Amino acid sequence: MKGGNIHSRETLDRAYAGRDWRAYGSVLGGCIAHGAPGPILDVGAGLGFFLEVCSRWGVSAVGLEGSEYAIRKAKERWPAVDIRAHDLSEPWPFDDETFSVALFNQTIEHLEPKIAAWSLKEALCVLLPGVS
């Protein structure tokens, strides 16, 4: 993420050590319990474990990630994940009113304030009407 916090391979591997997709089942449960039906956007998808749990449970989800290493690792582990390289300081590559949930799990606190504010604005644009 230009202007954001791109984690090194070592930082990502350390942060996700000992985890797999099962560690994110409760996050998916929260999205389902508190969100509306429809596709989920995972902003700052990291190694893609949340996207993997969504895929395994048949829930439509797309991830944005700034680390090419993280994207590669996610696709090597579970090729069905929809994880895309994106610089969060740039306009998001989605039409307005596309997603039911925009998830910032362990993401927003790592962004520079200006990029965090921009990302929240972009998230509001891509959420379905009546979702906030």
N, C-alpha and C. Protein backbone atom coordinates (compact mmCIF):
# COMPACT_ATOMS: atom_id res chain seq x y z
N MET A 1 0.84 -1.17 0.00
CA MET A 1 0.00 0.00 0.00
C MET A 1 0.88 1.23 0.00
N LYS A 2 0.89 1.93 -1.08
CA LYS A 2 1.68 3.15 -1.17
C LYS A 2 1.24 4.10 -0.07
N GLY A 3 2.19 4.57 0.71
CA GLY A 3 1.86 5.46 1.81
C GLY A 3 1.29 4.72 3.01
N GLY A 4 1.01 3.45 2.83
CA GLY A 4 0.48 2.65 3.92
C GLY A 4 1.60 1.82 4.53
N ASN A 5 1.25 0.72 5.11
CA ASN A 5 2.23 -0.10 5.79
C ASN A 5 2.36 -1.43 5.06
N ILE A 6 3.37 -1.55 4.21
CA ILE A 6 3.61 -2.82 3.52
C ILE A 6 4.49 -3.67 4.43
N HIS A 7 3.96 -4.79 4.83
CA HIS A 7 4.70 -5.67 5.73
C HIS A 7 5.68 -6.53 4.95
N SER A 8 6.83 -6.73 5.53
CA SER A 8 7.83 -7.61 4.93
C SER A 8 7.39 -9.06 5.07
N ARG A 9 8.03 -9.89 4.31
CA ARG A 9 7.76 -11.33 4.37
C ARG A 9 7.90 -11.84 5.80
N GLU A 10 8.98 -11.42 6.47
CA GLU A 10 9.22 -11.89 7.83
C GLU A 10 8.13 -11.42 8.79
N THR A 11 7.71 -10.17 8.64
CA THR A 11 6.66 -9.63 9.51
C THR A 11 5.34 -10.39 9.30
N LEU A 12 4.99 -10.62 8.04
CA LEU A 12 3.76 -11.36 7.74
C LEU A 12 3.83 -12.79 8.26
N ASP A 13 4.93 -13.47 8.01
CA ASP A 13 5.06 -14.85 8.48
C ASP A 13 4.98 -14.92 10.01
N ARG A 14 5.58 -13.96 10.69
CA ARG A 14 5.54 -13.94 12.15
C ARG A 14 4.11 -13.64 12.64
N ALA A 15 3.45 -12.68 12.01
CA ALA A 15 2.10 -12.28 12.44
C ALA A 15 1.08 -13.41 12.27
N TYR A 16 1.27 -14.22 11.24
CA TYR A 16 0.30 -15.29 10.95
C TYR A 16 0.78 -16.67 11.40
N ALA A 17 1.89 -16.74 12.10
CA ALA A 17 2.44 -18.03 12.54
C ALA A 17 1.42 -18.80 13.37
N GLY A 18 1.28 -20.07 13.05
CA GLY A 18 0.39 -20.93 13.81
C GLY A 18 -1.08 -20.79 13.47
N ARG A 19 -1.42 -19.93 12.53
CA ARG A 19 -2.83 -19.75 12.14
C ARG A 19 -3.11 -20.47 10.83
N ASP A 20 -4.37 -20.78 10.66
CA ASP A 20 -4.85 -21.23 9.37
C ASP A 20 -6.27 -20.71 9.22
N TRP A 21 -6.97 -21.13 8.20
CA TRP A 21 -8.30 -20.62 7.89
C TRP A 21 -9.30 -20.81 9.04
N ARG A 22 -9.11 -21.84 9.85
CA ARG A 22 -10.05 -22.12 10.95
C ARG A 22 -10.05 -21.01 12.00
N ALA A 23 -8.95 -20.27 12.10
CA ALA A 23 -8.87 -19.17 13.07
C ALA A 23 -9.80 -18.02 12.71
N TYR A 24 -10.37 -18.03 11.50
CA TYR A 24 -11.20 -16.92 11.03
C TYR A 24 -12.68 -17.27 10.92
N GLY A 25 -13.05 -18.44 11.38
CA GLY A 25 -14.47 -18.83 11.36
C GLY A 25 -15.34 -17.90 12.18
N SER A 26 -14.83 -17.47 13.33
CA SER A 26 -15.63 -16.57 14.17
C SER A 26 -15.76 -15.18 13.54
N VAL A 27 -14.76 -14.76 12.76
CA VAL A 27 -14.84 -13.48 12.05
C VAL A 27 -15.93 -13.58 10.98
N LEU A 28 -15.95 -14.69 10.25
CA LEU A 28 -17.01 -14.90 9.26
C LEU A 28 -18.37 -14.94 9.94
N GLY A 29 -18.44 -15.62 11.08
CA GLY A 29 -19.71 -15.68 11.83
C GLY A 29 -20.19 -14.29 12.21
N GLY A 30 -19.28 -13.42 12.63
CA GLY A 30 -19.64 -12.05 12.97
C GLY A 30 -20.14 -11.27 11.76
N CYS A 31 -19.50 -11.48 10.62
CA CYS A 31 -19.95 -10.81 9.39
C CYS A 31 -21.36 -11.24 9.01
N ILE A 32 -21.62 -12.52 9.15
CA ILE A 32 -22.95 -13.04 8.83
C ILE A 32 -23.98 -12.56 9.85
N ALA A 33 -23.63 -12.59 11.12
CA ALA A 33 -24.56 -12.20 12.18
C ALA A 33 -24.91 -10.71 12.14
N HIS A 34 -23.92 -9.88 11.81
CA HIS A 34 -24.12 -8.43 11.90
C HIS A 34 -24.19 -7.73 10.56
N GLY A 35 -23.94 -8.44 9.47
CA GLY A 35 -23.98 -7.84 8.15
C GLY A 35 -25.25 -8.21 7.42
N ALA A 36 -25.32 -7.78 6.19
CA ALA A 36 -26.44 -8.12 5.32
C ALA A 36 -26.00 -9.24 4.38
N PRO A 37 -26.95 -9.98 3.82
CA PRO A 37 -26.58 -11.00 2.84
C PRO A 37 -25.90 -10.35 1.63
N GLY A 38 -24.88 -11.02 1.11
CA GLY A 38 -24.18 -10.53 -0.06
C GLY A 38 -22.69 -10.71 0.08
N PRO A 39 -21.95 -10.31 -0.94
CA PRO A 39 -20.50 -10.51 -0.93
C PRO A 39 -19.79 -9.65 0.11
N ILE A 40 -18.68 -10.17 0.60
CA ILE A 40 -17.87 -9.51 1.63
C ILE A 40 -16.57 -9.01 0.99
N LEU A 41 -16.15 -7.81 1.39
CA LEU A 41 -14.86 -7.27 0.97
C LEU A 41 -13.92 -7.31 2.16
N ASP A 42 -12.78 -7.96 2.00
CA ASP A 42 -11.75 -8.05 3.03
C ASP A 42 -10.63 -7.08 2.67
N VAL A 43 -10.58 -5.96 3.37
CA VAL A 43 -9.61 -4.90 3.10
C VAL A 43 -8.34 -5.17 3.91
N GLY A 44 -7.22 -5.33 3.21
CA GLY A 44 -5.98 -5.71 3.89
C GLY A 44 -6.03 -7.19 4.22
N ALA A 45 -6.22 -8.01 3.21
CA ALA A 45 -6.50 -9.44 3.38
C ALA A 45 -5.33 -10.27 3.90
N GLY A 46 -4.14 -9.69 3.97
CA GLY A 46 -3.00 -10.43 4.50
C GLY A 46 -2.75 -11.72 3.73
N LEU A 47 -2.56 -12.82 4.43
CA LEU A 47 -2.29 -14.10 3.80
C LEU A 47 -3.55 -14.81 3.33
N GLY A 48 -4.70 -14.15 3.41
CA GLY A 48 -5.93 -14.66 2.81
C GLY A 48 -6.68 -15.71 3.60
N PHE A 49 -6.40 -15.86 4.88
CA PHE A 49 -7.09 -16.89 5.66
C PHE A 49 -8.59 -16.63 5.77
N PHE A 50 -8.99 -15.36 5.93
CA PHE A 50 -10.42 -15.06 5.98
C PHE A 50 -11.07 -15.40 4.64
N LEU A 51 -10.43 -15.05 3.55
CA LEU A 51 -10.97 -15.37 2.22
C LEU A 51 -11.08 -16.89 2.04
N GLU A 52 -10.12 -17.61 2.58
CA GLU A 52 -10.16 -19.07 2.48
C GLU A 52 -11.34 -19.65 3.25
N VAL A 53 -11.59 -19.16 4.46
CA VAL A 53 -12.74 -19.69 5.21
C VAL A 53 -14.03 -19.36 4.48
N CYS A 54 -14.11 -18.17 3.88
CA CYS A 54 -15.29 -17.81 3.09
C CYS A 54 -15.46 -18.78 1.92
N SER A 55 -14.38 -19.04 1.19
CA SER A 55 -14.43 -19.94 0.05
C SER A 55 -14.85 -21.35 0.47
N ARG A 56 -14.29 -21.83 1.56
CA ARG A 56 -14.62 -23.18 2.03
C ARG A 56 -16.08 -23.29 2.44
N TRP A 57 -16.69 -22.20 2.91
CA TRP A 57 -18.08 -22.21 3.34
C TRP A 57 -19.03 -21.69 2.26
N GLY A 58 -18.51 -21.40 1.08
CA GLY A 58 -19.36 -20.98 -0.03
C GLY A 58 -19.85 -19.55 0.06
N VAL A 59 -19.13 -18.70 0.79
CA VAL A 59 -19.50 -17.30 0.93
C VAL A 59 -18.66 -16.48 -0.05
N SER A 60 -19.31 -15.64 -0.83
CA SER A 60 -18.61 -14.81 -1.81
C SER A 60 -17.80 -13.73 -1.09
N ALA A 61 -16.51 -13.66 -1.37
CA ALA A 61 -15.63 -12.67 -0.73
C ALA A 61 -14.48 -12.32 -1.67
N VAL A 62 -14.08 -11.05 -1.61
CA VAL A 62 -12.96 -10.54 -2.38
C VAL A 62 -12.02 -9.83 -1.41
N GLY A 63 -10.73 -9.99 -1.62
CA GLY A 63 -9.77 -9.32 -0.76
C GLY A 63 -8.89 -8.35 -1.52
N LEU A 64 -8.55 -7.25 -0.86
CA LEU A 64 -7.56 -6.30 -1.36
C LEU A 64 -6.34 -6.41 -0.48
N GLU A 65 -5.16 -6.46 -1.10
CA GLU A 65 -3.93 -6.62 -0.33
C GLU A 65 -2.79 -5.89 -1.04
N GLY A 66 -1.94 -5.24 -0.27
CA GLY A 66 -0.83 -4.48 -0.82
C GLY A 66 0.47 -5.25 -0.94
N SER A 67 0.55 -6.43 -0.36
CA SER A 67 1.77 -7.22 -0.38
C SER A 67 1.68 -8.32 -1.43
N GLU A 68 2.56 -8.25 -2.42
CA GLU A 68 2.61 -9.30 -3.45
C GLU A 68 2.96 -10.66 -2.82
N TYR A 69 3.82 -10.64 -1.81
CA TYR A 69 4.17 -11.87 -1.12
C TYR A 69 2.93 -12.51 -0.49
N ALA A 70 2.12 -11.71 0.21
CA ALA A 70 0.92 -12.23 0.86
C ALA A 70 -0.05 -12.80 -0.17
N ILE A 71 -0.21 -12.10 -1.27
CA ILE A 71 -1.11 -12.57 -2.33
C ILE A 71 -0.63 -13.91 -2.89
N ARG A 72 0.65 -14.00 -3.16
CA ARG A 72 1.22 -15.25 -3.69
C ARG A 72 1.01 -16.41 -2.71
N LYS A 73 1.29 -16.16 -1.43
CA LYS A 73 1.13 -17.22 -0.42
C LYS A 73 -0.34 -17.66 -0.31
N ALA A 74 -1.25 -16.70 -0.35
CA ALA A 74 -2.68 -17.04 -0.26
C ALA A 74 -3.11 -17.92 -1.44
N LYS A 75 -2.68 -17.55 -2.64
CA LYS A 75 -3.08 -18.31 -3.83
C LYS A 75 -2.38 -19.66 -3.91
N GLU A 76 -1.16 -19.75 -3.39
CA GLU A 76 -0.47 -21.05 -3.35
C GLU A 76 -1.20 -22.00 -2.42
N ARG A 77 -1.66 -21.49 -1.29
CA ARG A 77 -2.31 -22.31 -0.28
C ARG A 77 -3.73 -22.70 -0.70
N TRP A 78 -4.50 -21.74 -1.25
CA TRP A 78 -5.89 -22.00 -1.61
C TRP A 78 -6.18 -21.24 -2.91
N PRO A 79 -5.95 -21.85 -4.07
CA PRO A 79 -6.06 -21.15 -5.35
C PRO A 79 -7.42 -20.50 -5.62
N ALA A 80 -8.47 -20.93 -4.95
CA ALA A 80 -9.80 -20.38 -5.21
C ALA A 80 -10.01 -18.98 -4.61
N VAL A 81 -9.09 -18.50 -3.76
CA VAL A 81 -9.31 -17.19 -3.14
C VAL A 81 -9.25 -16.08 -4.19
N ASP A 82 -10.12 -15.11 -4.02
CA ASP A 82 -10.13 -13.92 -4.88
C ASP A 82 -9.45 -12.80 -4.11
N ILE A 83 -8.15 -12.71 -4.25
CA ILE A 83 -7.35 -11.70 -3.56
C ILE A 83 -6.61 -10.89 -4.62
N ARG A 84 -6.74 -9.57 -4.52
CA ARG A 84 -6.23 -8.70 -5.58
C ARG A 84 -5.24 -7.68 -5.02
N ALA A 85 -4.20 -7.43 -5.80
CA ALA A 85 -3.22 -6.41 -5.42
C ALA A 85 -3.86 -5.04 -5.57
N HIS A 86 -3.73 -4.24 -4.52
CA HIS A 86 -4.27 -2.88 -4.60
C HIS A 86 -3.60 -1.97 -3.58
N ASP A 87 -3.34 -0.76 -4.02
CA ASP A 87 -2.80 0.31 -3.19
C ASP A 87 -4.00 1.05 -2.60
N LEU A 88 -4.18 0.98 -1.30
CA LEU A 88 -5.38 1.56 -0.68
C LEU A 88 -5.46 3.08 -0.78
N SER A 89 -4.38 3.73 -1.19
CA SER A 89 -4.45 5.18 -1.37
C SER A 89 -5.04 5.55 -2.73
N GLU A 90 -5.31 4.55 -3.55
CA GLU A 90 -5.90 4.76 -4.87
C GLU A 90 -7.39 4.39 -4.84
N PRO A 91 -8.18 4.93 -5.80
CA PRO A 91 -9.61 4.54 -5.86
C PRO A 91 -9.74 3.02 -5.96
N TRP A 92 -10.74 2.51 -5.28
CA TRP A 92 -10.93 1.07 -5.25
C TRP A 92 -11.51 0.57 -6.57
N PRO A 93 -11.15 -0.64 -6.98
CA PRO A 93 -11.53 -1.16 -8.30
C PRO A 93 -12.90 -1.84 -8.34
N PHE A 94 -13.87 -1.26 -7.67
CA PHE A 94 -15.21 -1.86 -7.62
C PHE A 94 -16.27 -0.80 -7.91
N ASP A 95 -17.39 -1.24 -8.43
CA ASP A 95 -18.53 -0.35 -8.60
C ASP A 95 -19.11 -0.02 -7.24
N ASP A 96 -19.78 1.11 -7.17
CA ASP A 96 -20.51 1.46 -5.96
C ASP A 96 -21.57 0.39 -5.68
N GLU A 97 -21.90 0.23 -4.41
CA GLU A 97 -22.97 -0.67 -3.98
C GLU A 97 -22.76 -2.12 -4.43
N THR A 98 -21.56 -2.63 -4.16
CA THR A 98 -21.18 -3.99 -4.55
C THR A 98 -21.19 -4.97 -3.39
N PHE A 99 -20.81 -4.53 -2.18
CA PHE A 99 -20.58 -5.45 -1.07
C PHE A 99 -21.56 -5.23 0.09
N SER A 100 -21.83 -6.31 0.81
CA SER A 100 -22.69 -6.23 1.99
C SER A 100 -21.90 -5.91 3.25
N VAL A 101 -20.62 -6.27 3.25
CA VAL A 101 -19.74 -6.05 4.40
C VAL A 101 -18.37 -5.62 3.88
N ALA A 102 -17.78 -4.64 4.54
CA ALA A 102 -16.38 -4.27 4.29
C ALA A 102 -15.63 -4.53 5.59
N LEU A 103 -14.78 -5.53 5.58
CA LEU A 103 -14.05 -5.97 6.76
C LEU A 103 -12.65 -5.37 6.77
N PHE A 104 -12.28 -4.74 7.88
CA PHE A 104 -10.93 -4.21 8.09
C PHE A 104 -10.32 -4.94 9.29
N ASN A 105 -10.13 -6.25 9.20
CA ASN A 105 -9.63 -7.04 10.31
C ASN A 105 -8.12 -6.87 10.43
N GLN A 106 -7.66 -6.26 11.52
CA GLN A 106 -6.23 -6.01 11.75
C GLN A 106 -5.63 -5.20 10.60
N THR A 107 -6.36 -4.19 10.13
CA THR A 107 -5.90 -3.40 8.99
C THR A 107 -5.88 -1.91 9.29
N ILE A 108 -6.99 -1.35 9.69
CA ILE A 108 -7.13 0.11 9.77
C ILE A 108 -6.07 0.73 10.68
N GLU A 109 -5.71 0.04 11.75
CA GLU A 109 -4.74 0.58 12.70
C GLU A 109 -3.32 0.62 12.14
N HIS A 110 -3.09 -0.06 11.03
CA HIS A 110 -1.77 -0.07 10.40
C HIS A 110 -1.63 0.96 9.29
N LEU A 111 -2.70 1.67 8.99
CA LEU A 111 -2.67 2.65 7.91
C LEU A 111 -2.36 4.05 8.44
N GLU A 112 -1.73 4.84 7.60
CA GLU A 112 -1.55 6.25 7.94
C GLU A 112 -2.93 6.88 8.04
N PRO A 113 -3.14 7.86 8.91
CA PRO A 113 -4.47 8.44 9.11
C PRO A 113 -5.16 8.91 7.82
N LYS A 114 -4.42 9.53 6.93
CA LYS A 114 -5.01 10.01 5.68
C LYS A 114 -5.53 8.84 4.83
N ILE A 115 -4.76 7.75 4.78
CA ILE A 115 -5.16 6.58 3.99
C ILE A 115 -6.30 5.84 4.70
N ALA A 116 -6.28 5.81 6.01
CA ALA A 116 -7.38 5.19 6.75
C ALA A 116 -8.68 5.93 6.47
N ALA A 117 -8.65 7.25 6.50
CA ALA A 117 -9.86 8.04 6.22
C ALA A 117 -10.33 7.81 4.79
N TRP A 118 -9.41 7.81 3.84
CA TRP A 118 -9.74 7.54 2.44
C TRP A 118 -10.38 6.16 2.30
N SER A 119 -9.80 5.17 2.96
CA SER A 119 -10.30 3.79 2.86
C SER A 119 -11.71 3.67 3.44
N LEU A 120 -11.98 4.35 4.53
CA LEU A 120 -13.33 4.31 5.09
C LEU A 120 -14.33 4.96 4.14
N LYS A 121 -13.93 6.04 3.50
CA LYS A 121 -14.79 6.70 2.51
C LYS A 121 -15.06 5.75 1.33
N GLU A 122 -14.01 5.10 0.84
CA GLU A 122 -14.17 4.15 -0.26
C GLU A 122 -15.08 2.99 0.16
N ALA A 123 -14.92 2.52 1.40
CA ALA A 123 -15.75 1.41 1.88
C ALA A 123 -17.22 1.80 1.87
N LEU A 124 -17.53 3.01 2.29
CA LEU A 124 -18.93 3.46 2.27
C LEU A 124 -19.50 3.47 0.85
N CYS A 125 -18.66 3.80 -0.12
CA CYS A 125 -19.12 3.82 -1.51
C CYS A 125 -19.44 2.43 -2.04
N VAL A 126 -18.65 1.42 -1.66
CA VAL A 126 -18.85 0.08 -2.22
C VAL A 126 -19.87 -0.75 -1.46
N LEU A 127 -20.35 -0.24 -0.32
CA LEU A 127 -21.37 -0.98 0.43
C LEU A 127 -22.74 -0.82 -0.22
N LEU A 128 -23.54 -1.87 -0.10
CA LEU A 128 -24.90 -1.84 -0.62
C LEU A 128 -25.73 -0.77 0.10
N PRO A 129 -26.76 -0.26 -0.54
CA PRO A 129 -27.61 0.75 0.12
C PRO A 129 -28.17 0.25 1.45
N GLY A 130 -28.20 1.12 2.43
CA GLY A 130 -28.73 0.75 3.74
C GLY A 130 -27.77 0.02 4.64
N VAL A 131 -26.55 -0.25 4.15
CA VAL A 131 -25.53 -0.94 4.93
C VAL A 131 -24.53 0.10 5.40
N SER A 132 -24.23 0.09 6.67
CA SER A 132 -23.18 1.00 7.17
C SER A 132 -22.53 0.43 8.41
